[in-house]
Protein backbone atom coordinates (compact mmCIF):
# COMPACT_ATOMS: atom_id res chain seq x y z
CA MET A 1 -9.78 -93.72 -123.16
CA THR A 2 -9.22 -95.04 -119.71
CA VAL A 3 -11.85 -96.99 -117.77
CA LYS A 4 -12.12 -94.13 -115.26
CA SER A 5 -12.80 -91.58 -118.04
CA LEU A 6 -15.38 -93.90 -119.57
CA VAL A 7 -17.21 -94.31 -116.27
CA HIS A 8 -17.25 -90.54 -115.75
CA LEU A 9 -18.61 -89.96 -119.26
CA LEU A 10 -21.36 -92.53 -118.73
CA SER A 11 -22.32 -90.93 -115.39
CA VAL A 12 -22.62 -87.47 -116.94
CA THR A 13 -24.64 -88.89 -119.83
CA VAL A 14 -27.05 -90.69 -117.48
CA LEU A 15 -27.46 -87.56 -115.35
CA LEU A 16 -28.30 -85.47 -118.41
CA LEU A 17 -30.81 -88.05 -119.59
CA VAL A 18 -32.47 -88.16 -116.16
CA MET A 19 -32.67 -84.36 -116.01
CA GLN A 20 -34.08 -84.27 -119.51
CA GLY A 21 -36.60 -86.95 -118.59
CA CYS A 22 -37.72 -85.00 -115.53
CA THR A 23 -38.17 -81.93 -117.62
CA LEU A 24 -40.16 -83.87 -120.16
CA MET A 25 -42.39 -85.28 -117.38
CA GLN A 26 -43.47 -81.79 -116.32
CA PRO A 27 -46.36 -80.48 -118.49
CA ARG A 28 -45.55 -77.18 -120.10
CA GLY A 29 -47.41 -74.42 -121.97
CA ASP A 30 -50.70 -75.50 -123.52
CA GLU A 31 -50.31 -79.02 -122.13
CA LEU A 32 -50.15 -77.63 -118.56
CA ALA A 33 -53.11 -75.33 -119.24
CA ALA A 34 -55.17 -78.32 -120.46
CA ARG A 35 -54.13 -80.29 -117.40
CA LEU A 36 -55.26 -77.46 -115.12
CA ASP A 37 -58.60 -77.21 -116.92
CA THR A 38 -59.17 -80.92 -116.25
CA LEU A 39 -58.29 -80.59 -112.56
CA LEU A 40 -60.59 -77.57 -112.16
CA ALA A 41 -63.44 -79.38 -113.89
CA GLU A 42 -63.01 -82.20 -111.36
CA LYS A 43 -62.67 -79.65 -108.51
CA ARG A 44 -59.24 -81.04 -107.59
CA TYR A 45 -58.07 -77.61 -106.46
CA GLY A 46 -55.28 -78.83 -104.23
CA GLU A 47 -53.69 -80.89 -106.98
CA ALA A 48 -54.01 -77.95 -109.39
CA LEU A 49 -52.19 -75.64 -106.97
CA ASP A 50 -49.49 -78.26 -106.33
CA THR A 51 -48.97 -78.59 -110.09
CA LEU A 52 -48.56 -74.83 -110.47
CA ALA A 53 -46.13 -74.75 -107.55
CA ARG A 54 -43.74 -76.95 -109.57
CA VAL A 55 -43.47 -74.43 -112.44
CA PRO A 56 -39.85 -73.12 -112.17
CA PRO A 57 -39.32 -69.33 -111.98
CA ASP A 58 -37.13 -69.43 -115.10
CA SER A 59 -39.89 -71.00 -117.19
CA PRO A 60 -41.12 -68.79 -120.05
CA ASP A 61 -44.68 -69.53 -118.89
CA TYR A 62 -44.03 -68.61 -115.25
CA LEU A 63 -45.79 -65.22 -115.32
CA ARG A 64 -48.72 -66.65 -117.25
CA PHE A 65 -49.28 -69.42 -114.70
CA THR A 66 -48.69 -67.08 -111.76
CA GLU A 67 -51.88 -65.29 -112.78
CA ARG A 68 -53.59 -68.66 -113.22
CA ARG A 69 -52.50 -69.62 -109.73
CA LYS A 70 -54.12 -66.49 -108.27
CA GLN A 71 -57.32 -67.34 -110.13
CA ILE A 72 -57.38 -70.90 -108.78
CA GLU A 73 -56.58 -69.71 -105.24
CA GLY A 74 -59.63 -67.41 -105.46
CA ILE A 75 -61.82 -70.29 -106.67
CA ALA A 76 -60.48 -72.51 -103.84
CA ALA A 77 -61.19 -69.80 -101.25
CA GLN A 78 -64.77 -69.47 -102.49
CA TYR A 79 -65.12 -73.27 -102.30
CA GLU A 80 -63.84 -73.22 -98.70
CA HIS A 81 -66.34 -70.55 -97.65
CA LYS A 82 -69.19 -72.32 -99.43
CA THR A 83 -68.34 -75.65 -97.79
CA ILE A 84 -68.15 -74.15 -94.30
CA ASP A 85 -71.41 -72.25 -94.77
CA GLU A 86 -73.28 -75.29 -96.16
CA ALA A 87 -71.97 -77.47 -93.33
CA ARG A 88 -73.17 -74.88 -90.81
CA GLN A 89 -76.65 -74.92 -92.39
CA LEU A 90 -76.74 -78.73 -92.34
CA VAL A 91 -75.83 -78.77 -88.63
CA ALA A 92 -78.59 -76.25 -87.92
CA ARG A 93 -81.03 -78.78 -89.44
CA ASP A 94 -79.47 -81.65 -87.44
CA ARG A 95 -78.03 -83.25 -90.60
CA TRP A 96 -74.70 -83.99 -88.97
CA GLY A 97 -73.73 -86.92 -91.18
CA GLU A 98 -74.12 -84.86 -94.34
CA ALA A 99 -72.02 -82.07 -92.84
CA LEU A 100 -69.22 -84.50 -91.98
CA ASN A 101 -69.36 -86.01 -95.49
CA LEU A 102 -69.19 -82.52 -96.96
CA TYR A 103 -65.97 -81.80 -95.08
CA ASP A 104 -64.49 -85.19 -96.06
CA GLU A 105 -65.13 -84.46 -99.74
CA ALA A 106 -63.77 -80.91 -99.46
CA LEU A 107 -60.57 -82.03 -97.76
CA GLN A 108 -59.98 -84.55 -100.53
CA ARG A 109 -60.09 -81.66 -102.99
CA LEU A 110 -58.12 -79.26 -100.74
CA PRO A 111 -56.14 -81.47 -98.35
CA ARG A 112 -53.91 -78.62 -97.14
CA SER A 113 -56.70 -76.15 -96.39
CA THR A 114 -56.33 -74.68 -92.91
CA SER A 115 -59.82 -73.16 -93.06
CA LEU A 116 -61.44 -76.50 -93.80
CA ARG A 117 -59.50 -78.27 -91.06
CA ASP A 118 -60.46 -75.57 -88.56
CA GLY A 119 -64.09 -75.82 -89.68
CA LEU A 120 -64.07 -79.60 -89.25
CA ALA A 121 -62.49 -79.27 -85.80
CA ASN A 122 -65.21 -76.79 -84.82
CA LEU A 123 -67.84 -79.20 -86.12
CA HIS A 124 -66.41 -81.96 -83.92
CA ARG A 125 -66.53 -79.62 -80.91
CA GLN A 126 -70.17 -78.78 -81.66
CA GLN A 127 -70.90 -82.46 -82.06
CA GLN A 128 -69.34 -83.29 -78.69
CA SER A 129 -71.15 -80.42 -76.99
CA ARG A 130 -74.48 -81.53 -78.44
CA LEU A 131 -73.86 -85.12 -77.34
CA PHE A 132 -73.14 -83.95 -73.78
CA ALA A 133 -76.38 -81.94 -73.79
CA ILE A 134 -78.36 -84.95 -75.06
CA GLU A 135 -76.79 -87.20 -72.42
CA ASP A 136 -77.74 -84.64 -69.74
CA GLU A 137 -81.30 -84.57 -71.05
CA LEU A 138 -81.34 -88.37 -71.00
CA VAL A 139 -80.37 -88.38 -67.31
CA ILE A 140 -83.10 -85.84 -66.51
CA ASN A 141 -85.72 -87.79 -68.48
CA LYS A 142 -84.74 -91.01 -66.74
CA GLY A 143 -84.98 -89.26 -63.37
CA GLU A 144 -88.45 -87.92 -64.18
CA TRP A 145 -89.56 -91.38 -65.26
CA LEU A 146 -88.25 -92.99 -62.07
CA ALA A 147 -89.82 -90.26 -59.94
CA ALA A 148 -93.18 -91.18 -61.49
CA VAL A 149 -92.73 -94.97 -61.44
CA ILE A 150 -91.33 -95.54 -57.93
CA PRO A 151 -94.42 -94.20 -56.08
CA VAL A 152 -96.64 -96.46 -58.20
CA TYR A 153 -94.67 -99.56 -57.21
CA ARG A 154 -94.68 -98.41 -53.59
CA ARG A 155 -98.48 -98.38 -53.69
CA MET A 156 -98.56 -101.79 -55.36
CA VAL A 157 -96.33 -103.26 -52.67
CA THR A 158 -98.46 -101.64 -49.98
CA VAL A 159 -101.64 -103.15 -51.40
CA ASP A 160 -100.07 -106.59 -51.95
CA PRO A 161 -96.96 -106.88 -49.74
CA ARG A 162 -96.60 -110.59 -50.45
CA ASP A 163 -96.08 -110.15 -54.20
CA SER A 164 -92.35 -110.74 -54.51
CA ASP A 165 -92.26 -109.54 -58.14
CA HIS A 166 -93.58 -106.10 -57.25
CA ASP A 167 -91.20 -105.87 -54.31
CA ALA A 168 -88.22 -106.86 -56.49
CA GLN A 169 -89.20 -104.26 -59.11
CA LEU A 170 -89.54 -101.59 -56.45
CA ARG A 171 -86.10 -102.35 -55.06
CA LYS A 172 -84.64 -102.32 -58.57
CA TYR A 173 -86.12 -98.93 -59.41
CA GLN A 174 -85.15 -97.50 -56.03
CA SER A 175 -81.54 -98.56 -56.68
CA GLU A 176 -81.69 -96.98 -60.15
CA GLY A 177 -83.20 -93.90 -58.55
CA GLU A 178 -80.25 -93.54 -56.17
CA GLN A 179 -77.75 -93.92 -59.04
CA THR A 180 -79.65 -91.45 -61.20
CA ALA A 181 -79.85 -89.01 -58.28
CA GLU A 182 -76.04 -89.11 -58.02
CA ALA A 183 -75.75 -88.35 -61.75
CA LEU A 184 -78.29 -85.51 -61.40
CA TYR A 185 -76.41 -84.16 -58.38
CA LYS A 186 -73.19 -83.94 -60.43
CA LEU A 187 -75.07 -82.48 -63.39
CA GLY A 188 -76.64 -79.85 -61.15
CA ASN A 189 -73.26 -78.80 -59.77
CA ARG A 190 -71.80 -78.52 -63.28
CA ALA A 191 -74.79 -76.47 -64.39
CA ILE A 192 -74.38 -74.10 -61.43
CA GLU A 193 -70.70 -73.59 -62.29
CA SER A 194 -71.51 -72.88 -65.95
CA GLY A 195 -74.39 -70.56 -65.07
CA ASN A 196 -77.06 -72.77 -66.66
CA ASP A 197 -79.87 -72.10 -64.18
CA GLU A 198 -82.49 -74.02 -66.13
CA VAL A 199 -80.58 -77.32 -66.10
CA ALA A 200 -79.40 -76.73 -62.52
CA SER A 201 -82.97 -76.27 -61.32
CA ARG A 202 -84.30 -79.36 -63.07
CA ALA A 203 -81.42 -81.62 -62.07
CA ILE A 204 -81.10 -80.59 -58.42
CA LEU A 205 -84.80 -80.63 -57.55
CA LEU A 206 -85.23 -83.96 -59.30
CA ALA A 207 -82.25 -85.47 -57.46
CA ALA A 208 -83.84 -84.42 -54.15
CA ARG A 209 -87.03 -86.27 -55.10
CA LEU A 210 -85.13 -89.48 -55.83
CA SER A 211 -82.70 -89.58 -52.90
CA GLU A 212 -82.62 -88.62 -49.24
CA LYS A 213 -78.82 -88.43 -49.11
CA LYS A 214 -77.71 -85.56 -46.95
CA GLU A 215 -75.51 -83.83 -49.54
CA ILE A 216 -78.27 -83.97 -52.16
CA GLN A 217 -80.92 -82.58 -49.83
CA GLN A 218 -78.56 -79.85 -48.64
CA LEU A 219 -77.76 -78.81 -52.20
CA ALA A 220 -81.46 -78.67 -53.07
CA GLN A 221 -82.22 -76.55 -50.02
CA LYS A 222 -79.25 -74.27 -50.68
CA TYR A 223 -80.22 -73.87 -54.31
CA GLU A 224 -83.81 -73.03 -53.42
CA GLN A 225 -82.68 -70.41 -50.91
CA SER A 226 -80.32 -68.91 -53.49
CA HIS A 227 -83.06 -69.01 -56.13
CA ASP A 228 -85.50 -67.22 -53.81
CA LYS A 229 -82.90 -64.57 -53.00
CA ARG A 230 -82.15 -63.96 -56.68
CA ALA A 231 -85.86 -63.68 -57.38
CA ARG A 232 -86.28 -61.08 -54.60
CA ASP A 233 -83.25 -59.13 -55.79
CA ASN A 234 -84.52 -59.17 -59.35
CA ARG A 235 -87.93 -57.93 -58.31
CA ALA A 236 -86.30 -55.08 -56.38
CA GLY A 237 -83.98 -54.12 -59.25
CA GLN A 238 -84.42 -53.22 -62.88
CA PRO A 239 -87.04 -54.90 -65.06
CA LEU A 240 -85.77 -58.24 -66.32
CA PRO A 241 -85.35 -59.06 -70.02
CA GLU A 242 -88.14 -61.11 -71.54
CA LYS A 243 -85.95 -64.21 -71.91
CA ARG A 244 -84.96 -64.08 -68.26
CA LEU A 245 -88.58 -63.66 -67.22
CA ARG A 246 -89.52 -66.74 -69.24
CA GLU A 247 -86.74 -68.74 -67.59
CA LEU A 248 -87.88 -67.69 -64.12
CA ALA A 249 -91.49 -68.48 -64.98
CA GLN A 250 -90.48 -71.91 -66.26
CA ARG A 251 -88.52 -72.69 -63.08
CA GLU A 252 -91.44 -71.57 -60.94
CA GLN A 253 -93.74 -73.79 -62.97
CA GLU A 254 -91.38 -76.77 -62.60
CA ARG A 255 -91.16 -76.16 -58.86
CA ALA A 256 -94.93 -75.90 -58.58
CA GLU A 257 -95.33 -79.14 -60.55
CA ALA A 258 -92.81 -80.92 -58.31
CA ILE A 259 -94.61 -79.69 -55.18
CA ALA A 260 -97.96 -80.78 -56.62
CA GLN A 261 -96.64 -84.23 -57.49
CA LEU A 262 -95.01 -84.79 -54.09
CA THR A 263 -98.13 -83.51 -52.34
CA ALA A 264 -100.27 -85.93 -54.36
CA GLU A 265 -97.88 -88.79 -53.52
CA TYR A 266 -98.03 -87.89 -49.84
CA ASN A 267 -101.82 -87.65 -49.79
CA ASN A 268 -102.17 -90.92 -51.66
CA ALA A 269 -99.79 -92.67 -49.28
CA MET A 270 -101.78 -91.34 -46.32
CA LYS A 271 -104.99 -92.54 -47.93
CA GLN A 272 -103.47 -96.00 -48.41
CA LYS A 273 -102.15 -95.88 -44.83
CA ASP A 274 -98.64 -96.34 -46.22
CA TYR A 275 -97.06 -94.11 -43.59
CA ILE A 276 -93.50 -95.18 -44.40
CA THR A 277 -93.83 -93.93 -47.99
CA ALA A 278 -95.63 -90.85 -46.69
CA ARG A 279 -92.70 -90.10 -44.36
CA THR A 280 -90.15 -90.48 -47.19
CA THR A 281 -92.18 -88.28 -49.52
CA LEU A 282 -92.69 -85.67 -46.83
CA GLY A 283 -88.92 -85.51 -46.26
CA ARG A 284 -88.38 -84.72 -49.92
CA LEU A 285 -91.16 -82.16 -49.97
CA ASN A 286 -89.73 -80.49 -46.89
CA SER A 287 -86.27 -80.27 -48.49
CA PHE A 288 -87.26 -77.62 -51.03
CA ALA A 289 -90.78 -76.50 -49.99
CA PRO A 290 -90.75 -76.34 -46.16
CA GLU A 291 -93.34 -73.58 -46.23
CA VAL A 292 -95.89 -75.99 -47.72
CA VAL A 293 -95.23 -78.56 -45.00
CA ARG A 294 -95.57 -75.93 -42.29
CA GLU A 295 -98.72 -74.33 -43.68
CA ARG A 296 -100.54 -77.66 -44.00
CA ASP A 297 -99.30 -79.22 -40.72
CA TYR A 298 -98.22 -82.33 -42.59
CA GLU A 299 -95.64 -83.36 -39.98
CA LYS A 300 -98.14 -83.14 -37.12
CA GLU A 301 -100.68 -85.09 -39.14
CA LEU A 302 -98.19 -87.80 -40.10
CA ASN A 303 -96.70 -88.17 -36.62
CA ALA A 304 -100.14 -88.70 -35.13
CA LYS A 305 -100.95 -91.38 -37.69
CA ILE A 306 -97.59 -93.11 -37.15
CA VAL A 307 -98.16 -93.27 -33.40
CA GLU A 308 -101.66 -94.65 -33.97
CA GLU A 309 -100.47 -97.26 -36.50
CA THR A 310 -97.48 -98.20 -34.34
CA ASN A 311 -99.74 -99.03 -31.39
CA ARG A 312 -102.18 -100.88 -33.60
CA SER A 313 -99.55 -103.07 -35.27
CA TYR A 314 -97.81 -103.83 -31.98
CA ASN A 315 -101.06 -104.90 -30.28
CA GLU A 316 -101.98 -106.88 -33.37
CA GLY A 317 -98.71 -108.77 -33.04
CA VAL A 318 -99.45 -109.51 -29.39
CA MET A 319 -102.88 -110.88 -30.39
CA TYR A 320 -101.41 -113.11 -33.12
CA TYR A 321 -98.71 -114.37 -30.78
CA GLY A 322 -101.33 -115.31 -28.18
CA ARG A 323 -103.14 -117.32 -30.86
CA SER A 324 -99.87 -119.06 -31.86
CA GLN A 325 -100.02 -117.35 -35.26
CA PHE A 326 -96.32 -116.67 -35.08
CA GLU A 327 -95.66 -115.65 -38.70
CA LYS A 328 -98.43 -113.03 -38.58
CA ALA A 329 -97.06 -111.80 -35.25
CA ARG A 330 -93.59 -111.47 -36.78
CA ASP A 331 -94.95 -109.46 -39.74
CA SER A 332 -96.89 -107.14 -37.42
CA TRP A 333 -93.88 -106.40 -35.23
CA LYS A 334 -91.68 -105.84 -38.27
CA LYS A 335 -94.15 -103.23 -39.42
CA THR A 336 -94.07 -101.67 -35.95
CA LEU A 337 -90.31 -101.29 -36.15
CA GLU A 338 -90.47 -99.87 -39.67
CA LEU A 339 -92.79 -97.19 -38.36
CA THR A 340 -90.94 -96.62 -35.08
CA PRO A 341 -87.43 -98.15 -35.07
CA SER A 342 -86.94 -97.16 -31.41
CA HIS A 343 -89.88 -99.29 -30.18
CA SER A 344 -88.03 -101.53 -27.68
CA LYS A 345 -90.97 -103.82 -26.86
CA ALA A 346 -91.52 -104.58 -30.54
CA ARG A 347 -87.82 -105.32 -30.92
CA GLU A 348 -87.84 -107.77 -27.99
CA SER A 349 -91.05 -109.41 -29.19
CA LEU A 350 -89.67 -109.80 -32.72
CA ASP A 351 -86.51 -111.48 -31.43
CA ARG A 352 -88.64 -113.85 -29.34
CA VAL A 353 -91.00 -114.85 -32.13
CA GLU A 354 -88.14 -115.40 -34.60
CA LYS A 355 -86.55 -117.85 -32.14
CA VAL A 356 -89.90 -119.64 -31.81
CA LEU A 357 -90.21 -119.88 -35.61
CA GLU A 358 -86.65 -121.13 -35.85
CA ARG A 359 -87.38 -123.95 -33.35
CA ILE A 360 -90.57 -124.85 -35.22
CA GLU A 361 -88.61 -125.08 -38.47
CA GLN A 362 -86.02 -127.33 -36.81
CA LEU A 363 -88.76 -129.68 -35.56
CA ARG A 364 -90.30 -129.86 -39.02
CA ASN A 365 -86.95 -130.78 -40.54
CA LYS A 366 -86.45 -133.55 -37.96
CA GLN A 367 -89.86 -134.97 -38.77
CA LYS A 368 -89.05 -134.96 -42.49
CA ASN A 369 -85.64 -136.52 -41.93
CA PRO A 370 -85.92 -138.75 -38.81
């Protein structure tokens, strides 16, 4: 026998042995049935179906295991439905972690399940949507907190204007208020586009209380006008559903509460003679409740007080200057300009006293360092 024939014979022999080995590795008959029972007991449905898929069509047990395959597919389908339903119930109870774990376990048992993968993808979408809603609520809650805190610090600074800590806190919260108002402004626009009137109302009106920026005030005024028009149209049309009536009642209540709070802030500022805060608050109140401002003559009242306080602070500065109390004169004229920025005499007087104080400071430094 030639070397070539020997090599060929060995190759054929090896191939036959490999094929025989592969055949022996595949469980057959009762052995396969026992293997399937084990996999089903462990709920490894995917592996059971993969095992059945390897049974060749020419196997004498093919028809037997075809029926078994249908049985296991039915069990797997029931398991899919049960998993999706249980996950949905867990999400409804805010048990998100358990729902995610349930899907992880199910996909280990049925890794090729399209239904489970679609269910998990839907769960992730719900999760993201809920997170966005929570983040929106966080912005609104922060805005409501700032709207309550800022007026308190304004009053504290008014009572004790020389307390630098209170002034620093006020400036900090005012800066946060402007940033939060921007976030609320964007949230309000998104809510309008999506038709979520409840969130739009809360976000827009709150943004107008925190910021005097033109675009924010215009949006609040425009929204209020649109809201009033919708309310009139609804009253003239068919009776509204109960849910819609509750939403409208809630918005009206929120608006009334905002008006009441701003009115209280304005009245308190007037009582404290903090006319600058009163003017800011009145601007916000006028942005979405101009009828209240008109009915109560707030602008006329405030303007009269500002004129009175402007004259008083200016004359006070003149008195202090005449007594060489230059720092007090400077503070009085600064207040005059805060109340009436166009007061030219106060502006000239302030420039003059600041130069005097600068020269005094220079003389003090020369005396300390001759």
